[in-house]
Each structure stands twice: as C-alpha cells, then as structure tokens.
Amino acid sequence: MKSTVGEPRSEPHRRSRAADRLWPGRIAQRSHGAPWRCVHSWWLGGLRRTLLGLDCTRKFCAKRDIMSALRAIQLMGAVAIGVLTGLACLNNLMDYNSNFALVQHVLSMDTTFPEGTLRWRAITSPTVHHAAYWLIIAIEGLAGVLCLAGAYKMLLARKAGTDIFNQSKNLALWGLGVALALYLIGFMVIGAEWFAMWQSQRWDGRQPAFRILMCIGIIILIVLQDDNKRVGQRD
C-alpha cells in the first residue's frame, strides 16, 4: 500500500474541515452517538474566547499581580513632576545666565511701570540676586529628588495593601509640596505680586509658572486618592 503521509490534502477535504468549524451539526452527524457533546464543546470554546474574555483577563491580572490603574497613574505623576523639577534644576546649572537674567530684572524691578509707587520694594544687590537664584535651583533639585525617591517607594509598594501603599506616598507628597511652594509662593506671590512682575512685558514669568503649578496641583489631587482595592483582589 502506498503511504500518503506528508501529501497535501485535497481541496474538497479542506472545504469539509472549514465547514465543520462553521457548522457544529456536521461534526455531530459524524460523532457516532455523541452529538450534544460535540455541540457543547464547540460552543463552550467560543464562549471562552469571547464572552468570558473579561473574566480570563481578570484571572490573568490576578495571577500576574499587576498594579491597578490608579496606582500606575499616581506613580507616573510623581515621576513626571520629579523629572520636570530635576531638569529645571539641571538646566539652570548648565545655562546659568539665561534664567538668572529673569531673577535679576524681577528683583530689580527695572522693567516695571516707571511711575509706579511699588518700586521701593526693588532689590538691586547682585549678591541677593545670586542668592535668590541659587535658592530656586536648590528647591528645584530638592523637589526632584523627593518626587523620584517617593516614586521609587511607591513602585516597591505597588502590590501591597492600601495602608502600606498610602504610607509610601509621603515622600512623593513632600516633593510635590515643595514644588508647589516654589511656583506658588516663589513665582506667583513673591515674584508676580510683591515685585510686580506682571508689569513687565519681557520678564513676566507668570504664564509658565502657572502652567507648571496647575500640573503639580492636579498630580497632588491624583496622588491623594486612595486605592481601596488590593492588587489581585477578586470581587
């Protein structure tokens, strides 16, 4: 007898197999007394691939112990603010004179309204200008380090319970608070209002500071949210 192993199947045979996959009744006709078993297996496989896909995903997540979406967003926000303030600190160190000019003109109030009655607040000492600029750089660096270190602690506690994960946020919240104080008090209160930075057409830094301030505020509100559901916990 000639062996047929390895020979390609004929076209009618392939069409018959395709029809069996589409119509379970054809399989039942050839199942020799077990039609319902074939139909049940066919439909059960389809349900597992479609209707039960969400449950399978939940089981997979529970098995892999993936962090929740809220914790991931909180972690991402802390990292983003840490990188932002860290890069601001690094840029000010590498390009010292660019932003130093902003501090110098704001403290000197030499571009505010000439007839204004607030110019008595001006500080013209170069030593104070450099000291204020270095203070800004130090606060930016401190905020960046605290946010990134806090994000690392949150990453380590991403699979822990609610109480432990909430405790891991403290360092990141300190960093966010330092950054918030810098842009709110330093730029908006002291710079914009006390030294009347809003009167200067060229050295008005309120808009960039306000954008960063809004980002920091939103991230703080997100980080303060409690994730009451432990990772992998079933309903």
Foldseek 3Di string as FASTA:
>chain_A
DDDCPPPDDDPVVVVVVVVCLVDVVVVLVVVVPPSVVSVVVSVVVVCCVPVCPVVVVLVVQLVVLDFDPLLVLLLVLLLVLLVVLQVVLVVCVVVVPPCLVLLQCLQQLPQFDPPDPLNVSHDNDVVVSVVVSVVLSVLSNQLNVQSVQLSVLLVVCRQPAQVSNLVSNPSSLVSLVSLLCCLCCVPVPCRCPNSVLVRGPPSNPNVVSVVSNVSSVVSNVSSPDTDRDGGSDDD
